[in-house]
PDB file of N, CA and C in Angstrom:
ATOM      1  N   MET A   1    -215.259  72.390 -31.802  1.00  0.00           N
ATOM      2  CA  MET A   1    -215.726  71.357 -32.560  1.00  0.00           C
ATOM      3  C   MET A   1    -216.847  70.906 -32.202  1.00  0.00           C
ATOM      4  N   LYS A   2    -217.853  70.627 -32.733  1.00  0.00           N
ATOM      5  CA  LYS A   2    -218.794  69.814 -32.050  1.00  0.00           C
ATOM      6  C   LYS A   2    -219.110  68.210 -32.507  1.00  0.00           C
ATOM      7  N   MET A   3    -219.612  67.828 -31.433  1.00  0.00           N
ATOM      8  CA  MET A   3    -219.639  66.139 -32.041  1.00  0.00           C
ATOM      9  C   MET A   3    -220.111  65.738 -33.464  1.00  0.00           C
ATOM     10  N   SER A   4    -220.722  66.605 -34.004  1.00  0.00           N
ATOM     11  CA  SER A   4    -221.558  66.059 -35.257  1.00  0.00           C
ATOM     12  C   SER A   4    -220.205  66.197 -36.152  1.00  0.00           C
ATOM     13  N   GLU A   5    -219.585  67.424 -36.082  1.00  0.00           N
ATOM     14  CA  GLU A   5    -218.174  67.508 -36.599  1.00  0.00           C
ATOM     15  C   GLU A   5    -217.030  66.209 -36.320  1.00  0.00           C
ATOM     16  N   ILE A   6    -217.078  65.753 -35.279  1.00  0.00           N
ATOM     17  CA  ILE A   6    -215.996  64.697 -34.977  1.00  0.00           C
ATOM     18  C   ILE A   6    -216.489  63.680 -35.637  1.00  0.00           C
ATOM     19  N   LYS A   7    -217.901  63.269 -35.887  1.00  0.00           N
ATOM     20  CA  LYS A   7    -218.341  62.004 -36.076  1.00  0.00           C
ATOM     21  C   LYS A   7    -218.090  61.724 -37.420  1.00  0.00           C
ATOM     22  N   SER A   8    -218.106  63.059 -38.050  1.00  0.00           N
ATOM     23  CA  SER A   8    -217.962  62.839 -39.712  1.00  0.00           C
ATOM     24  C   SER A   8    -216.366  62.659 -40.427  1.00  0.00           C
ATOM     25  N   LEU A   9    -215.292  62.789 -38.939  1.00  0.00           N
ATOM     26  CA  LEU A   9    -213.744  62.463 -39.393  1.00  0.00           C
ATOM     27  C   LEU A   9    -213.580  61.131 -39.292  1.00  0.00           C
ATOM     28  N   SER A  10    -212.653  60.486 -39.982  1.00  0.00           N
ATOM     29  CA  SER A  10    -212.309  59.367 -40.098  1.00  0.00           C
ATOM     30  C   SER A  10    -211.277  58.756 -38.730  1.00  0.00           C
ATOM     31  N   LEU A  11    -211.038  57.890 -38.656  1.00  0.00           N
ATOM     32  CA  LEU A  11    -210.282  57.365 -37.886  1.00  0.00           C
ATOM     33  C   LEU A  11    -208.841  57.864 -37.389  1.00  0.00           C
ATOM     34  N   GLU A  12    -208.222  57.998 -38.847  1.00  0.00           N
ATOM     35  CA  GLU A  12    -206.881  58.502 -38.937  1.00  0.00           C
ATOM     36  C   GLU A  12    -207.045  60.339 -38.634  1.00  0.00           C
ATOM     37  N   ASP A  13    -208.263  60.633 -39.027  1.00  0.00           N
ATOM     38  CA  ASP A  13    -208.162  61.976 -38.850  1.00  0.00           C
ATOM     39  C   ASP A  13    -208.309  62.643 -37.161  1.00  0.00           C
ATOM     40  N   ILE A  14    -209.141  61.763 -36.449  1.00  0.00           N
ATOM     41  CA  ILE A  14    -209.572  62.075 -35.338  1.00  0.00           C
ATOM     42  C   ILE A  14    -208.057  61.592 -34.353  1.00  0.00           C
ATOM     43  N   LYS A  15    -207.142  60.878 -34.711  1.00  0.00           N
ATOM     44  CA  LYS A  15    -205.934  60.743 -34.013  1.00  0.00           C
ATOM     45  C   LYS A  15    -204.835  61.827 -33.963  1.00  0.00           C
ATOM     46  N   SER A  16    -205.089  62.481 -35.682  1.00  0.00           N
ATOM     47  CA  SER A  16    -204.178  63.126 -35.952  1.00  0.00           C
ATOM     48  C   SER A  16    -204.767  64.535 -35.059  1.00  0.00           C
ATOM     49  N   LYS A  17    -206.097  64.935 -35.308  1.00  0.00           N
ATOM     50  CA  LYS A  17    -206.545  66.056 -34.604  1.00  0.00           C
ATOM     51  C   LYS A  17    -206.339  66.120 -32.865  1.00  0.00           C
ATOM     52  N   ILE A  18    -206.365  65.122 -32.132  1.00  0.00           N
ATOM     53  CA  ILE A  18    -205.823  64.742 -30.776  1.00  0.00           C
ATOM     54  C   ILE A  18    -204.594  64.985 -30.527  1.00  0.00           C
ATOM     55  N   VAL A  19    -203.245  65.050 -31.467  1.00  0.00           N
ATOM     56  CA  VAL A  19    -202.391  65.400 -31.511  1.00  0.00           C
ATOM     57  C   VAL A  19    -202.090  66.668 -31.715  1.00  0.00           C
ATOM     58  N   SER A  20    -202.663  67.017 -32.752  1.00  0.00           N
ATOM     59  CA  SER A  20    -202.354  68.637 -32.519  1.00  0.00           C
ATOM     60  C   SER A  20    -202.974  69.288 -31.754  1.00  0.00           C
ATOM     61  N   GLU A  21    -204.307  69.058 -31.435  1.00  0.00           N
ATOM     62  CA  GLU A  21    -205.021  69.824 -30.038  1.00  0.00           C
ATOM     63  C   GLU A  21    -204.189  69.403 -28.870  1.00  0.00           C
ATOM     64  N   LYS A  22    -203.420  68.335 -28.442  1.00  0.00           N
ATOM     65  CA  LYS A  22    -202.782  68.296 -27.404  1.00  0.00           C
ATOM     66  C   LYS A  22    -201.460  69.335 -27.518  1.00  0.00           C
ATOM     67  N   GLU A  23    -201.026  69.611 -28.461  1.00  0.00           N
ATOM     68  CA  GLU A  23    -199.724  70.256 -28.945  1.00  0.00           C
ATOM     69  C   GLU A  23    -200.220  71.983 -28.746  1.00  0.00           C
ATOM     70  N   ALA A  24    -201.393  72.287 -29.194  1.00  0.00           N
ATOM     71  CA  ALA A  24    -202.119  73.581 -29.168  1.00  0.00           C
ATOM     72  C   ALA A  24    -202.375  73.900 -27.607  1.00  0.00           C
ATOM     73  N   ILE A  25    -202.888  73.051 -26.966  1.00  0.00           N
ATOM     74  CA  ILE A  25    -203.271  73.175 -25.490  1.00  0.00           C
ATOM     75  C   ILE A  25    -201.742  73.025 -24.407  1.00  0.00           C
ATOM     76  N   ARG A  26    -200.556  72.852 -24.960  1.00  0.00           N
ATOM     77  CA  ARG A  26    -199.278  72.469 -24.211  1.00  0.00           C
ATOM     78  C   ARG A  26    -198.838  74.296 -24.720  1.00  0.00           C
ATOM     79  N   LYS A  27    -199.042  74.871 -25.835  1.00  0.00           N
ATOM     80  CA  LYS A  27    -198.651  76.168 -26.185  1.00  0.00           C
ATOM     81  C   LYS A  27    -199.349  77.057 -25.320  1.00  0.00           C
ATOM     82  N   LEU A  28    -200.626  76.680 -25.449  1.00  0.00           N
ATOM     83  CA  LEU A  28    -201.608  77.890 -24.772  1.00  0.00           C
ATOM     84  C   LEU A  28    -201.294  77.888 -23.343  1.00  0.00           C
ATOM     85  N   GLN A  29    -201.060  76.712 -22.750  1.00  0.00           N
ATOM     86  CA  GLN A  29    -200.621  76.761 -21.315  1.00  0.00           C
ATOM     87  C   GLN A  29    -199.351  77.085 -20.585  1.00  0.00           C
ATOM     88  N   PHE A  30    -198.212  77.214 -21.788  1.00  0.00           N
ATOM     89  CA  PHE A  30    -197.238  77.654 -21.656  1.00  0.00           C
ATOM     90  C   PHE A  30    -197.215  79.475 -21.788  1.00  0.00           C
ATOM     91  N   ALA A  31    -197.763  79.838 -22.695  1.00  0.00           N
ATOM     92  CA  ALA A  31    -198.077  81.313 -23.035  1.00  0.00           C
ATOM     93  C   ALA A  31    -198.717  81.703 -21.817  1.00  0.00           C
ATOM     94  N   HIS A  32    -199.648  81.037 -21.127  1.00  0.00           N
ATOM     95  CA  HIS A  32    -200.322  81.255 -19.858  1.00  0.00           C
ATOM     96  C   HIS A  32    -199.558  81.678 -18.629  1.00  0.00           C
ATOM     97  N   ALA A  33    -198.761  80.651 -18.544  1.00  0.00           N
ATOM     98  CA  ALA A  33    -197.723  80.416 -17.106  1.00  0.00           C
ATOM     99  C   ALA A  33    -196.721  81.669 -17.501  1.00  0.00           C
ATOM    100  N   ILE A  34    -196.336  82.372 -18.768  1.00  0.00           N
ATOM    101  CA  ILE A  34    -195.621  83.416 -18.816  1.00  0.00           C
ATOM    102  C   ILE A  34    -196.185  84.344 -18.772  1.00  0.00           C
ATOM    103  N   SER A  35    -196.973  84.933 -19.173  1.00  0.00           N
ATOM    104  CA  SER A  35    -198.006  85.857 -19.135  1.00  0.00           C
ATOM    105  C   SER A  35    -199.412  85.701 -19.418  1.00  0.00           C
ATOM    106  N   PRO A  36    -200.396  86.103 -18.443  1.00  0.00           N
ATOM    107  CA  PRO A  36    -201.719  85.368 -19.049  1.00  0.00           C
ATOM    108  C   PRO A  36    -202.461  86.155 -20.254  1.00  0.00           C
ATOM    109  N   ILE A  37    -203.107  84.728 -20.920  1.00  0.00           N
ATOM    110  CA  ILE A  37    -203.415  84.717 -22.067  1.00  0.00           C
ATOM    111  C   ILE A  37    -204.779  85.851 -22.265  1.00  0.00           C
ATOM    112  N   GLU A  38    -205.015  86.603 -23.404  1.00  0.00           N
ATOM    113  CA  GLU A  38    -206.127  87.517 -23.480  1.00  0.00           C
ATOM    114  C   GLU A  38    -207.560  86.700 -22.915  1.00  0.00           C
ATOM    115  N   ASN A  39    -207.589  85.364 -23.329  1.00  0.00           N
ATOM    116  CA  ASN A  39    -208.686  84.637 -23.571  1.00  0.00           C
ATOM    117  C   ASN A  39    -208.692  83.339 -22.696  1.00  0.00           C
ATOM    118  N   PRO A  40    -208.157  83.108 -21.408  1.00  0.00           N
ATOM    119  CA  PRO A  40    -207.953  81.806 -20.703  1.00  0.00           C
ATOM    120  C   PRO A  40    -209.204  80.664 -20.833  1.00  0.00           C
ATOM    121  N   MET A  41    -210.086  81.048 -21.288  1.00  0.00           N
ATOM    122  CA  MET A  41    -211.322  79.973 -21.793  1.00  0.00           C
ATOM    123  C   MET A  41    -210.956  79.375 -22.827  1.00  0.00           C
ATOM    124  N   LYS A  42    -209.738  79.674 -23.487  1.00  0.00           N
ATOM    125  CA  LYS A  42    -209.688  79.031 -24.720  1.00  0.00           C
ATOM    126  C   LYS A  42    -208.611  77.607 -24.049  1.00  0.00           C
ATOM    127  N   ILE A  43    -208.324  77.535 -22.951  1.00  0.00           N
ATOM    128  CA  ILE A  43    -207.429  76.739 -22.360  1.00  0.00           C
ATOM    129  C   ILE A  43    -208.452  75.387 -22.124  1.00  0.00           C
ATOM    130  N   ARG A  44    -209.717  75.702 -21.737  1.00  0.00           N
ATOM    131  CA  ARG A  44    -210.944  74.888 -21.036  1.00  0.00           C
ATOM    132  C   ARG A  44    -211.570  74.323 -22.434  1.00  0.00           C
ATOM    133  N   GLU A  45    -211.579  75.217 -23.296  1.00  0.00           N
ATOM    134  CA  GLU A  45    -212.203  74.888 -24.824  1.00  0.00           C
ATOM    135  C   GLU A  45    -211.441  73.719 -25.026  1.00  0.00           C
ATOM    136  N   ALA A  46    -209.929  73.991 -25.456  1.00  0.00           N
ATOM    137  CA  ALA A  46    -209.364  72.888 -25.725  1.00  0.00           C
ATOM    138  C   ALA A  46    -209.095  71.396 -25.289  1.00  0.00           C
ATOM    139  N   ARG A  47    -209.645  71.668 -23.707  1.00  0.00           N
ATOM    140  CA  ARG A  47    -209.423  70.193 -23.312  1.00  0.00           C
ATOM    141  C   ARG A  47    -210.811  69.543 -23.009  1.00  0.00           C
ATOM    142  N   LYS A  48    -212.047  70.184 -23.596  1.00  0.00           N
ATOM    143  CA  LYS A  48    -212.748  69.731 -24.014  1.00  0.00           C
ATOM    144  C   LYS A  48    -213.354  69.185 -25.540  1.00  0.00           C
ATOM    145  N   VAL A  49    -212.221  69.806 -26.287  1.00  0.00           N
ATOM    146  CA  VAL A  49    -212.357  69.367 -27.585  1.00  0.00           C
ATOM    147  C   VAL A  49    -211.735  68.297 -27.678  1.00  0.00           C
ATOM    148  N   ILE A  50    -210.563  67.941 -26.853  1.00  0.00           N
ATOM    149  CA  ILE A  50    -209.544  66.374 -26.511  1.00  0.00           C
ATOM    150  C   ILE A  50    -210.692  65.596 -26.156  1.00  0.00           C
ATOM    151  N   ALA A  51    -211.273  65.752 -25.141  1.00  0.00           N
ATOM    152  CA  ALA A  51    -211.787  65.067 -24.293  1.00  0.00           C
ATOM    153  C   ALA A  51    -213.180  64.530 -25.350  1.00  0.00           C
ATOM    154  N   ARG A  52    -213.462  65.422 -26.164  1.00  0.00           N
ATOM    155  CA  ARG A  52    -214.542  64.857 -27.125  1.00  0.00           C
ATOM    156  C   ARG A  52    -213.965  64.073 -28.168  1.00  0.00           C
ATOM    157  N   LEU A  53    -212.830  63.987 -28.545  1.00  0.00           N
ATOM    158  CA  LEU A  53    -212.269  63.297 -29.751  1.00  0.00           C
ATOM    159  C   LEU A  53    -211.767  62.091 -29.373  1.00  0.00           C
ATOM    160  N   GLU A  54    -210.873  61.983 -27.966  1.00  0.00           N
ATOM    161  CA  GLU A  54    -211.028  60.789 -27.156  1.00  0.00           C
ATOM    162  C   GLU A  54    -211.961  60.013 -27.005  1.00  0.00           C
ATOM    163  N   THR A  55    -213.270  60.367 -27.076  1.00  0.00           N
ATOM    164  CA  THR A  55    -214.751  60.028 -26.706  1.00  0.00           C
ATOM    165  C   THR A  55    -214.613  59.233 -27.590  1.00  0.00           C
ATOM    166  N   GLU A  56    -215.046  59.947 -28.785  1.00  0.00           N
ATOM    167  CA  GLU A  56    -215.352  59.216 -30.305  1.00  0.00           C
ATOM    168  C   GLU A  56    -214.242  58.093 -30.392  1.00  0.00           C
ATOM    169  N   LEU A  57    -212.922  58.169 -30.589  1.00  0.00           N
ATOM    170  CA  LEU A  57    -212.036  57.346 -30.972  1.00  0.00           C
ATOM    171  C   LEU A  57    -212.286  55.967 -29.982  1.00  0.00           C
ATOM    172  N   SER A  58    -212.726  56.487 -28.483  1.00  0.00           N
ATOM    173  CA  SER A  58    -212.834  54.893 -27.818  1.00  0.00           C
ATOM    174  C   SER A  58    -214.373  54.436 -28.553  1.00  0.00           C
ATOM    175  N   ALA A  59    -215.231  55.070 -28.815  1.00  0.00           N
ATOM    176  CA  ALA A  59    -216.310  54.306 -29.084  1.00  0.00           C
ATOM    177  C   ALA A  59    -216.376  53.722 -30.254  1.00  0.00           C
ATOM    178  N   ARG A  60    -215.394  54.203 -31.001  1.00  0.00           N
ATOM    179  CA  ARG A  60    -215.140  53.605 -32.625  1.00  0.00           C
ATOM    180  C   ARG A  60    -214.123  52.448 -32.278  1.00  0.00           C
ATOM    181  N   ASN A  61    -213.481  52.131 -30.748  1.00  0.00           N
ATOM    182  CA  ASN A  61    -212.863  51.111 -31.120  1.00  0.00           C
ATOM    183  C   ASN A  61    -213.504  49.903 -29.921  1.00  0.00           C
ATOM    184  N   ASN A  62    -214.462  50.554 -29.411  1.00  0.00           N
ATOM    185  CA  ASN A  62    -214.874  49.664 -29.034  1.00  0.00           C
ATOM    186  C   ASN A  62    -216.107  48.986 -29.581  1.00  0.00           C
ATOM    187  N   ALA A  63    -216.650  49.247 -30.587  1.00  0.00           N
ATOM    188  CA  ALA A  63    -217.937  48.839 -31.500  1.00  0.00           C
ATOM    189  C   ALA A  63    -216.874  48.110 -32.699  1.00  0.00           C
TER     190      ALA A  63
END
C-alpha cells in the first residue's frame, strides 16, 4: 500500500486497516515459526505498511 493510497483513506478506515494488518502480520509470524513460509519478505512488507498507516494517523492527529 502506497502513501498516496493511505492519504485517500478516512481516519476510521486507517484505524481499521491498522488492526487488520496487525492481525495479518501475527498470522504470518506464527505460520513462519511453525514452518518457513514461501516468501518471508511478506512479513517485512506488512511491518512497513503498518508503519505507514501509523505515520499518517499520527500526522492527522497532530494537525
